[in-house]
Amino acid sequence: MRPFGVRKIELSGRFPIPKEVREEISIKYDDAVEFFTDDGCIGIIKYKDRCSVCEVNDNVKPFKDKFICEDCIEEIIAIVSRKKEAC
């Protein structure tokens, strides 16, 4: 990780994200970002929809208010099919 300067926290708790950081991770106005912490550091990544079951972000499909990847969908279908055959 490399530093991009110092910013002060505003009274509201906000702080500006430096332009260089926004450009490096390709975030623009109105994009969603995800925050995480690790050993006292804060990380910011551009948000991508993730599977609610296995948390991968490839081949996800919306389902109600969640997202599920194609692999998990196939696994769920297989489980349901086996249960129907057992009956």
N, C-alpha and C. Protein backbone atom coordinates (compact mmCIF):
# COMPACT_ATOMS: atom_id res chain seq x y z
N MET A 1 0.84 -1.18 0.00
CA MET A 1 0.00 0.00 0.00
C MET A 1 0.88 1.23 0.00
N ARG A 2 0.45 2.25 -0.72
CA ARG A 2 1.23 3.49 -0.71
C ARG A 2 0.34 4.65 -0.24
N PRO A 3 0.92 5.61 0.43
CA PRO A 3 0.13 6.74 0.95
C PRO A 3 -0.27 7.71 -0.16
N PHE A 4 -1.42 8.34 0.01
CA PHE A 4 -1.92 9.33 -0.94
C PHE A 4 -2.17 10.68 -0.28
N GLY A 5 -1.54 10.97 0.82
CA GLY A 5 -1.72 12.25 1.49
C GLY A 5 -2.54 12.12 2.75
N VAL A 6 -2.78 13.25 3.37
CA VAL A 6 -3.50 13.30 4.64
C VAL A 6 -4.79 14.09 4.46
N ARG A 7 -5.88 13.60 5.01
CA ARG A 7 -7.17 14.29 4.99
C ARG A 7 -7.70 14.35 6.41
N LYS A 8 -8.39 15.43 6.75
CA LYS A 8 -8.99 15.55 8.07
C LYS A 8 -10.43 15.06 8.03
N ILE A 9 -10.86 14.47 9.13
CA ILE A 9 -12.25 14.04 9.28
C ILE A 9 -13.09 15.28 9.55
N GLU A 10 -14.17 15.46 8.79
CA GLU A 10 -15.06 16.59 8.98
C GLU A 10 -15.92 16.38 10.22
N LEU A 11 -16.57 17.42 10.67
CA LEU A 11 -17.43 17.35 11.85
C LEU A 11 -18.51 16.28 11.67
N SER A 12 -18.99 16.12 10.45
CA SER A 12 -20.03 15.13 10.16
C SER A 12 -19.50 13.70 10.14
N GLY A 13 -18.16 13.52 10.24
CA GLY A 13 -17.55 12.20 10.19
C GLY A 13 -17.10 11.80 8.80
N ARG A 14 -17.30 12.67 7.83
CA ARG A 14 -16.90 12.39 6.45
C ARG A 14 -15.46 12.82 6.21
N PHE A 15 -14.89 12.25 5.16
CA PHE A 15 -13.58 12.70 4.70
C PHE A 15 -13.53 12.51 3.18
N PRO A 16 -12.83 13.41 2.49
CA PRO A 16 -12.75 13.27 1.04
C PRO A 16 -11.79 12.14 0.65
N ILE A 17 -12.13 11.43 -0.41
CA ILE A 17 -11.23 10.42 -0.95
C ILE A 17 -10.41 11.10 -2.05
N PRO A 18 -9.10 11.08 -1.93
CA PRO A 18 -8.28 11.76 -2.93
C PRO A 18 -8.56 11.28 -4.36
N LYS A 19 -8.46 12.21 -5.29
CA LYS A 19 -8.73 11.91 -6.70
C LYS A 19 -7.87 10.75 -7.20
N GLU A 20 -6.61 10.71 -6.78
CA GLU A 20 -5.70 9.65 -7.22
C GLU A 20 -6.21 8.27 -6.78
N VAL A 21 -6.76 8.20 -5.59
CA VAL A 21 -7.31 6.93 -5.09
C VAL A 21 -8.55 6.55 -5.89
N ARG A 22 -9.45 7.52 -6.12
CA ARG A 22 -10.66 7.23 -6.90
C ARG A 22 -10.31 6.75 -8.29
N GLU A 23 -9.30 7.38 -8.91
CA GLU A 23 -8.90 6.96 -10.26
C GLU A 23 -8.26 5.57 -10.24
N GLU A 24 -7.46 5.29 -9.23
CA GLU A 24 -6.77 4.00 -9.17
C GLU A 24 -7.74 2.83 -9.03
N ILE A 25 -8.84 3.02 -8.28
CA ILE A 25 -9.79 1.91 -8.13
C ILE A 25 -11.05 2.12 -8.98
N SER A 26 -10.97 3.08 -9.91
CA SER A 26 -12.05 3.33 -10.90
C SER A 26 -13.41 3.57 -10.27
N ILE A 27 -13.45 4.45 -9.28
CA ILE A 27 -14.76 4.82 -8.73
C ILE A 27 -15.12 6.23 -9.19
N LYS A 28 -16.40 6.39 -9.48
CA LYS A 28 -16.93 7.67 -9.94
C LYS A 28 -18.10 8.08 -9.05
N TYR A 29 -18.59 9.26 -9.30
CA TYR A 29 -19.75 9.76 -8.56
C TYR A 29 -20.87 8.72 -8.61
N ASP A 30 -21.48 8.47 -7.49
CA ASP A 30 -22.65 7.59 -7.32
C ASP A 30 -22.30 6.10 -7.37
N ASP A 31 -21.02 5.73 -7.49
CA ASP A 31 -20.64 4.32 -7.40
C ASP A 31 -20.74 3.88 -5.94
N ALA A 32 -21.03 2.61 -5.73
CA ALA A 32 -21.04 2.06 -4.37
C ALA A 32 -19.64 1.57 -4.04
N VAL A 33 -19.22 1.82 -2.81
CA VAL A 33 -17.92 1.32 -2.35
C VAL A 33 -18.14 0.51 -1.08
N GLU A 34 -17.21 -0.38 -0.82
CA GLU A 34 -17.28 -1.24 0.35
C GLU A 34 -16.07 -0.94 1.23
N PHE A 35 -16.29 -0.83 2.52
CA PHE A 35 -15.22 -0.55 3.48
C PHE A 35 -14.92 -1.82 4.27
N PHE A 36 -13.65 -2.02 4.61
CA PHE A 36 -13.27 -3.12 5.48
C PHE A 36 -12.08 -2.67 6.32
N THR A 37 -11.85 -3.37 7.40
CA THR A 37 -10.71 -3.05 8.28
C THR A 37 -9.82 -4.28 8.43
N ASP A 38 -8.55 -4.02 8.66
CA ASP A 38 -7.58 -5.09 8.86
C ASP A 38 -6.43 -4.54 9.69
N ASP A 39 -6.30 -5.01 10.90
CA ASP A 39 -5.21 -4.58 11.80
C ASP A 39 -5.08 -3.07 11.91
N GLY A 40 -6.20 -2.39 12.10
CA GLY A 40 -6.18 -0.94 12.29
C GLY A 40 -6.14 -0.13 11.02
N CYS A 41 -6.15 -0.77 9.86
CA CYS A 41 -6.18 -0.07 8.57
C CYS A 41 -7.58 -0.15 7.98
N ILE A 42 -7.95 0.86 7.21
CA ILE A 42 -9.23 0.87 6.53
C ILE A 42 -8.98 0.66 5.05
N GLY A 43 -9.74 -0.25 4.45
CA GLY A 43 -9.65 -0.49 3.02
C GLY A 43 -10.94 -0.06 2.34
N ILE A 44 -10.84 0.37 1.10
CA ILE A 44 -12.01 0.76 0.31
C ILE A 44 -11.88 0.06 -1.04
N ILE A 45 -12.93 -0.65 -1.44
CA ILE A 45 -12.96 -1.27 -2.76
C ILE A 45 -14.27 -0.93 -3.44
N LYS A 46 -14.25 -0.92 -4.76
CA LYS A 46 -15.47 -0.69 -5.52
C LYS A 46 -16.38 -1.89 -5.28
N TYR A 47 -17.63 -1.62 -4.95
CA TYR A 47 -18.57 -2.68 -4.60
C TYR A 47 -18.98 -3.47 -5.82
N LYS A 48 -19.01 -4.77 -5.70
CA LYS A 48 -19.54 -5.67 -6.72
C LYS A 48 -20.55 -6.58 -6.04
N ASP A 49 -21.62 -6.88 -6.75
CA ASP A 49 -22.61 -7.80 -6.19
C ASP A 49 -21.95 -9.14 -5.93
N ARG A 50 -22.26 -9.73 -4.77
CA ARG A 50 -21.68 -11.02 -4.38
C ARG A 50 -22.78 -12.02 -4.09
N CYS A 51 -22.44 -13.27 -4.26
CA CYS A 51 -23.36 -14.36 -3.95
C CYS A 51 -23.63 -14.36 -2.45
N SER A 52 -24.90 -14.42 -2.09
CA SER A 52 -25.28 -14.44 -0.67
C SER A 52 -24.90 -15.74 0.01
N VAL A 53 -24.62 -16.79 -0.76
CA VAL A 53 -24.29 -18.09 -0.20
C VAL A 53 -22.79 -18.26 -0.05
N CYS A 54 -22.03 -18.08 -1.15
CA CYS A 54 -20.58 -18.37 -1.11
C CYS A 54 -19.71 -17.12 -1.24
N GLU A 55 -20.30 -15.98 -1.47
CA GLU A 55 -19.65 -14.67 -1.52
C GLU A 55 -18.73 -14.44 -2.72
N VAL A 56 -18.79 -15.29 -3.76
CA VAL A 56 -18.03 -14.97 -4.97
C VAL A 56 -18.78 -13.86 -5.72
N ASN A 57 -18.08 -13.15 -6.60
CA ASN A 57 -18.77 -12.09 -7.34
C ASN A 57 -18.78 -12.34 -8.84
N ASP A 58 -18.64 -13.59 -9.25
CA ASP A 58 -18.72 -13.95 -10.66
C ASP A 58 -20.06 -14.61 -10.96
N ASN A 59 -20.65 -14.27 -12.08
CA ASN A 59 -21.89 -14.90 -12.55
C ASN A 59 -23.02 -14.86 -11.52
N VAL A 60 -23.20 -13.72 -10.86
CA VAL A 60 -24.29 -13.60 -9.88
C VAL A 60 -25.57 -13.15 -10.56
N LYS A 61 -26.68 -13.68 -10.07
CA LYS A 61 -28.01 -13.36 -10.59
C LYS A 61 -28.85 -12.80 -9.44
N PRO A 62 -29.67 -11.78 -9.72
CA PRO A 62 -30.53 -11.26 -8.65
C PRO A 62 -31.64 -12.26 -8.32
N PHE A 63 -31.92 -12.40 -7.04
CA PHE A 63 -33.02 -13.24 -6.56
C PHE A 63 -33.64 -12.53 -5.38
N LYS A 64 -34.84 -11.99 -5.57
CA LYS A 64 -35.52 -11.15 -4.57
C LYS A 64 -34.59 -10.01 -4.20
N ASP A 65 -34.20 -9.86 -2.95
CA ASP A 65 -33.30 -8.75 -2.58
C ASP A 65 -31.87 -9.23 -2.35
N LYS A 66 -31.52 -10.41 -2.90
CA LYS A 66 -30.19 -10.99 -2.74
C LYS A 66 -29.59 -11.29 -4.11
N PHE A 67 -28.37 -11.79 -4.12
CA PHE A 67 -27.73 -12.26 -5.34
C PHE A 67 -27.23 -13.68 -5.09
N ILE A 68 -27.35 -14.54 -6.11
CA ILE A 68 -26.88 -15.92 -6.00
C ILE A 68 -26.11 -16.26 -7.28
N CYS A 69 -24.94 -16.89 -7.13
CA CYS A 69 -24.14 -17.25 -8.30
C CYS A 69 -24.71 -18.49 -8.97
N GLU A 70 -24.32 -18.69 -10.23
CA GLU A 70 -24.83 -19.82 -11.00
C GLU A 70 -24.45 -21.16 -10.38
N ASP A 71 -23.25 -21.27 -9.80
CA ASP A 71 -22.83 -22.52 -9.17
C ASP A 71 -23.73 -22.88 -8.00
N CYS A 72 -24.08 -21.90 -7.16
CA CYS A 72 -24.95 -22.16 -6.02
C CYS A 72 -26.37 -22.48 -6.49
N ILE A 73 -26.83 -21.81 -7.54
CA ILE A 73 -28.15 -22.12 -8.09
C ILE A 73 -28.20 -23.58 -8.53
N GLU A 74 -27.17 -24.03 -9.25
CA GLU A 74 -27.12 -25.43 -9.71
C GLU A 74 -27.09 -26.39 -8.53
N GLU A 75 -26.35 -26.05 -7.50
CA GLU A 75 -26.27 -26.92 -6.32
C GLU A 75 -27.63 -27.00 -5.61
N ILE A 76 -28.32 -25.87 -5.50
CA ILE A 76 -29.64 -25.85 -4.88
C ILE A 76 -30.61 -26.70 -5.69
N ILE A 77 -30.58 -26.56 -7.01
CA ILE A 77 -31.47 -27.35 -7.88
C ILE A 77 -31.18 -28.84 -7.70
N ALA A 78 -29.91 -29.22 -7.62
CA ALA A 78 -29.54 -30.63 -7.44
C ALA A 78 -30.05 -31.17 -6.11
N ILE A 79 -29.93 -30.38 -5.05
CA ILE A 79 -30.42 -30.81 -3.73
C ILE A 79 -31.93 -31.00 -3.76
N VAL A 80 -32.65 -30.06 -4.35
CA VAL A 80 -34.11 -30.14 -4.42
C VAL A 80 -34.52 -31.35 -5.26
N SER A 81 -33.82 -31.59 -6.37
CA SER A 81 -34.13 -32.74 -7.23
C SER A 81 -33.93 -34.06 -6.50
N ARG A 82 -32.85 -34.17 -5.72
CA ARG A 82 -32.60 -35.41 -4.96
C ARG A 82 -33.69 -35.62 -3.93
N LYS A 83 -34.14 -34.55 -3.27
CA LYS A 83 -35.19 -34.69 -2.26
C LYS A 83 -36.50 -35.12 -2.91
N LYS A 84 -36.81 -34.60 -4.11
CA LYS A 84 -38.03 -34.99 -4.81
C LYS A 84 -37.98 -36.46 -5.21
N GLU A 85 -36.79 -36.93 -5.64
CA GLU A 85 -36.64 -38.33 -6.03
C GLU A 85 -36.79 -39.25 -4.85
N ALA A 86 -36.39 -38.81 -3.66
CA ALA A 86 -36.46 -39.63 -2.46
C ALA A 86 -37.90 -39.81 -1.97
N CYS A 87 -38.77 -38.92 -2.36
CA CYS A 87 -40.17 -38.99 -1.88
C CYS A 87 -41.00 -39.97 -2.64
